[in-house]
Amino acid sequence: MNNRIIEGFIVFEGIDGSGTTTQMNRLAERLKRLNIPVRCDSEPTGSVAGRRLRTLLKTGNAEDPLFNTTMSSLFSLDRALHVYGENGIISTATGGVKLLCDRYFWSTAAYQGVNGDVDEILELNNAFPLPEYLFFLDVDPNEAVKRIDRRNAAKEIYETAAFLEKVRTLYRAALKRYEDSGMKIFTADTSQPADETEAFIASCLDFLPKCR
């Protein structure tokens, strides 16, 4: 595995309801208070492929193998635009801005891998650069679904406890393959209060002052 690591690129991964968006935004606010330039992104992005993905996440059939193949390909297209496009991940992070991202290709492997082939999905994404830091936010799927229900928003096709349990297992397996990649990988238990998770994440970042 010879993927390039992008310094200043920080990814948050986890099942729906694990708090990836919350913790990304909390870290962004912390960095702003320290006058550290920061930008928050998410996948799917706002590209044409990303907008199509967001529609399919609400209307597609997660059990259809062809659907999962289509989703994997669309995610890779959207990701290529996100990484290499104008004002993309590489140009932003290498320009000195901390680029925080809610999900990256491990999300594709974990979700589409439930009814697909994880090896094929990771191979499809093998050329993409890696983040400097990767945070896997871990929570019990039943708790995650309770949090999702409290949003009072339309559910996406993957947001059931049974499906998310499979996704959680695949996340762990996929991340294990990258233990020797050079990334700094951390697992945060997000069943604890959000303030504690935020403090843990901050303590893992070498460029931040240590104030545990």
Protein backbone atom coordinates (compact mmCIF):
# COMPACT_ATOMS: atom_id res chain seq x y z
CA MET A 1 0.00 0.00 0.00
CA ASN A 2 1.72 3.15 -1.23
CA ASN A 3 -1.04 5.74 -1.00
CA ARG A 4 0.12 9.30 -0.51
CA ILE A 5 -0.81 10.80 2.88
CA ILE A 6 -2.11 14.38 2.76
CA GLU A 7 -0.94 16.38 5.77
CA GLY A 8 -3.75 18.43 7.28
CA PHE A 9 -6.46 16.15 5.88
CA ILE A 10 -8.65 14.72 8.68
CA VAL A 11 -11.45 12.22 8.09
CA PHE A 12 -14.36 11.20 10.33
CA GLU A 13 -15.91 7.79 9.69
CA GLY A 14 -18.70 5.85 11.40
CA ILE A 15 -22.19 4.48 10.97
CA ASP A 16 -25.15 6.82 10.65
CA GLY A 17 -25.91 8.28 14.05
CA SER A 18 -22.35 7.91 15.33
CA GLY A 19 -21.75 11.66 15.41
CA THR A 20 -19.38 12.21 12.48
CA THR A 21 -20.95 15.53 11.48
CA THR A 22 -21.23 16.73 15.08
CA GLN A 23 -17.61 16.00 15.91
CA MET A 24 -16.31 17.42 12.65
CA ASN A 25 -18.13 20.67 13.33
CA ARG A 26 -16.95 20.75 16.96
CA LEU A 27 -13.35 20.33 15.87
CA ALA A 28 -13.77 23.04 13.25
CA GLU A 29 -15.00 25.48 15.89
CA ARG A 30 -12.06 24.59 18.14
CA LEU A 31 -9.60 25.26 15.32
CA LYS A 32 -11.26 28.58 14.50
CA ARG A 33 -10.88 29.67 18.12
CA LEU A 34 -7.17 28.93 17.76
CA ASN A 35 -7.00 30.87 14.48
CA ILE A 36 -6.12 27.72 12.54
CA PRO A 37 -7.47 27.85 8.97
CA VAL A 38 -10.07 25.08 8.50
CA ARG A 39 -12.67 23.89 6.01
CA CYS A 40 -15.39 21.25 6.45
CA ASP A 41 -16.40 18.95 3.59
CA SER A 42 -18.58 15.87 3.34
CA GLU A 43 -19.17 12.99 0.96
CA PRO A 44 -21.28 12.78 -1.09
CA THR A 45 -20.30 16.29 -2.19
CA GLY A 46 -22.34 18.90 -4.04
CA SER A 47 -21.18 17.70 -7.47
CA VAL A 48 -23.62 16.30 -10.02
CA ALA A 49 -22.60 12.77 -8.97
CA GLY A 50 -22.90 13.70 -5.30
CA ARG A 51 -26.40 15.13 -5.70
CA ARG A 52 -27.49 11.98 -7.51
CA LEU A 53 -26.05 9.88 -4.69
CA ARG A 54 -28.01 11.81 -2.07
CA THR A 55 -31.22 11.10 -3.97
CA LEU A 56 -30.39 7.40 -4.30
CA LEU A 57 -29.61 7.18 -0.57
CA LYS A 58 -33.28 7.95 0.07
CA THR A 59 -34.91 6.04 -2.78
CA GLY A 60 -32.66 3.13 -3.81
CA ASN A 61 -32.79 -0.58 -3.03
CA ALA A 62 -29.92 -1.54 -0.74
CA GLU A 63 -30.48 -5.25 -1.41
CA ASP A 64 -29.96 -4.96 -5.18
CA PRO A 65 -26.37 -5.92 -6.20
CA LEU A 66 -26.58 -3.76 -9.34
CA PHE A 67 -27.67 -0.81 -7.24
CA ASN A 68 -24.64 -1.27 -4.97
CA THR A 69 -22.28 -1.48 -7.94
CA THR A 70 -23.76 1.73 -9.32
CA MET A 71 -23.42 3.44 -5.94
CA SER A 72 -19.77 2.39 -5.59
CA SER A 73 -18.95 3.77 -9.04
CA LEU A 74 -20.80 7.04 -8.40
CA PHE A 75 -19.03 7.48 -5.06
CA SER A 76 -15.65 6.99 -6.75
CA LEU A 77 -16.52 9.55 -9.44
CA ASP A 78 -17.71 12.04 -6.83
CA ARG A 79 -14.56 11.37 -4.77
CA ALA A 80 -12.25 11.92 -7.74
CA LEU A 81 -13.80 15.35 -8.29
CA HIS A 82 -13.53 16.05 -4.57
CA VAL A 83 -9.87 15.03 -4.32
CA TYR A 84 -8.42 16.33 -7.57
CA GLY A 85 -10.82 19.07 -8.64
CA GLU A 86 -10.42 22.81 -8.32
CA ASN A 87 -10.42 23.74 -4.62
CA GLY A 88 -10.41 20.02 -3.85
CA ILE A 89 -8.85 18.12 -0.98
CA ILE A 90 -5.29 18.18 -2.30
CA SER A 91 -5.16 21.85 -3.25
CA THR A 92 -6.87 22.90 0.00
CA ALA A 93 -4.91 20.79 2.48
CA THR A 94 -1.54 21.33 0.83
CA GLY A 95 -2.30 25.06 0.90
CA GLY A 96 -2.11 25.05 4.69
CA VAL A 97 -5.82 24.68 5.51
CA LYS A 98 -6.95 21.84 7.77
CA LEU A 99 -9.46 19.96 5.62
CA LEU A 100 -12.02 18.07 7.72
CA CYS A 101 -14.17 15.54 5.90
CA ASP A 102 -17.31 13.73 7.01
CA ARG A 103 -16.76 10.30 5.36
CA TYR A 104 -14.32 9.10 2.73
CA PHE A 105 -13.79 5.82 0.87
CA TRP A 106 -14.04 3.57 3.95
CA SER A 107 -17.67 4.59 4.15
CA THR A 108 -18.20 3.30 0.61
CA ALA A 109 -16.46 0.03 1.46
CA ALA A 110 -18.49 -0.49 4.63
CA TYR A 111 -21.93 0.43 3.28
CA GLN A 112 -21.74 -0.93 -0.26
CA GLY A 113 -19.74 -3.89 1.02
CA VAL A 114 -22.75 -5.31 2.89
CA ASN A 115 -24.24 -6.53 -0.39
CA GLY A 116 -21.11 -6.15 -2.50
CA ASP A 117 -17.40 -7.01 -2.50
CA VAL A 118 -15.28 -5.02 -0.06
CA ASP A 119 -12.03 -6.01 -1.80
CA GLU A 120 -13.30 -4.72 -5.15
CA ILE A 121 -14.50 -1.47 -3.60
CA LEU A 122 -11.19 -0.81 -1.85
CA GLU A 123 -9.33 -1.63 -5.06
CA LEU A 124 -11.54 0.86 -6.92
CA ASN A 125 -10.49 3.50 -4.39
CA ASN A 126 -6.85 2.44 -4.03
CA ALA A 127 -5.44 5.38 -5.99
CA PHE A 128 -6.91 8.02 -3.70
CA PRO A 129 -4.62 9.69 -1.14
CA LEU A 130 -5.03 8.99 2.56
CA PRO A 131 -5.76 11.45 5.36
CA GLU A 132 -3.19 12.29 7.99
CA TYR A 133 -5.73 11.49 10.72
CA LEU A 134 -8.64 9.07 10.58
CA PHE A 135 -11.20 8.97 13.39
CA PHE A 136 -13.61 6.04 13.53
CA LEU A 137 -16.56 7.04 15.71
CA ASP A 138 -17.98 3.87 17.18
CA VAL A 139 -21.44 3.42 18.69
CA ASP A 140 -23.92 0.60 19.17
CA PRO A 141 -26.28 0.50 16.15
CA ASN A 142 -29.39 0.45 18.37
CA GLU A 143 -28.27 3.69 20.01
CA ALA A 144 -27.45 5.12 16.59
CA VAL A 145 -30.98 4.42 15.33
CA LYS A 146 -32.46 6.12 18.41
CA ARG A 147 -30.43 9.21 17.59
CA ILE A 148 -31.55 9.07 13.95
CA ASP A 149 -35.20 8.80 15.03
CA ARG A 150 -34.81 11.90 17.19
CA ARG A 151 -33.90 13.93 14.11
CA ASN A 152 -37.50 13.65 12.86
CA ALA A 153 -36.21 13.55 9.29
CA ALA A 154 -36.82 11.10 6.45
CA LYS A 155 -34.61 8.05 6.92
CA GLU A 156 -32.08 6.91 4.37
CA ILE A 157 -32.20 3.34 3.04
CA TYR A 158 -29.35 2.08 5.26
CA GLU A 159 -30.63 3.43 8.58
CA THR A 160 -31.78 0.25 10.36
CA ALA A 161 -30.05 -1.36 13.32
CA ALA A 162 -29.60 -4.69 11.53
CA PHE A 163 -27.97 -3.10 8.49
CA LEU A 164 -25.82 -0.75 10.56
CA GLU A 165 -24.49 -3.68 12.61
CA LYS A 166 -23.18 -5.22 9.38
CA VAL A 167 -21.71 -1.87 8.34
CA ARG A 168 -19.98 -1.50 11.71
CA THR A 169 -18.34 -4.91 11.31
CA LEU A 170 -17.14 -4.08 7.79
CA TYR A 171 -15.79 -0.71 8.94
CA ARG A 172 -13.60 -2.43 11.52
CA ALA A 173 -12.33 -4.97 9.01
CA ALA A 174 -11.62 -2.33 6.34
CA LEU A 175 -9.79 -0.02 8.74
CA LYS A 176 -7.67 -2.87 10.05
CA ARG A 177 -6.13 -3.22 6.60
CA TYR A 178 -4.71 0.29 6.93
CA GLU A 179 -3.02 -0.10 10.31
CA ASP A 180 0.43 0.02 8.69
CA SER A 181 -0.40 2.69 6.12
CA GLY A 182 1.20 5.57 8.02
CA MET A 183 -2.12 7.19 8.87
CA LYS A 184 -2.87 8.07 12.48
CA ILE A 185 -6.00 6.02 13.15
CA PHE A 186 -8.08 6.43 16.31
CA THR A 187 -11.34 4.89 17.51
CA ALA A 188 -13.62 7.06 19.65
CA ASP A 189 -16.50 5.62 21.69
CA THR A 190 -19.33 8.03 20.93
CA SER A 191 -21.73 6.45 23.41
CA GLN A 192 -20.09 8.85 25.87
CA PRO A 193 -21.09 12.55 26.06
CA ALA A 194 -20.18 14.58 22.99
CA ASP A 195 -17.91 16.84 25.06
CA GLU A 196 -15.79 13.84 26.08
CA THR A 197 -15.51 12.62 22.49
CA GLU A 198 -14.51 16.10 21.37
CA ALA A 199 -11.80 16.29 24.04
CA PHE A 200 -10.47 12.86 23.05
CA ILE A 201 -10.26 13.83 19.38
CA ALA A 202 -8.44 17.06 20.23
CA SER A 203 -5.96 15.15 22.40
CA CYS A 204 -5.03 12.95 19.41
CA LEU A 205 -4.08 15.84 17.14
CA ASP A 206 -0.36 16.54 17.38
CA PHE A 207 -0.67 20.13 16.14
CA LEU A 208 -3.01 21.20 18.97
CA PRO A 209 -1.93 22.39 22.42
CA LYS A 210 -2.35 19.58 24.97
CA CYS A 211 -4.88 20.60 27.61
CA ARG A 212 -6.47 17.41 28.84
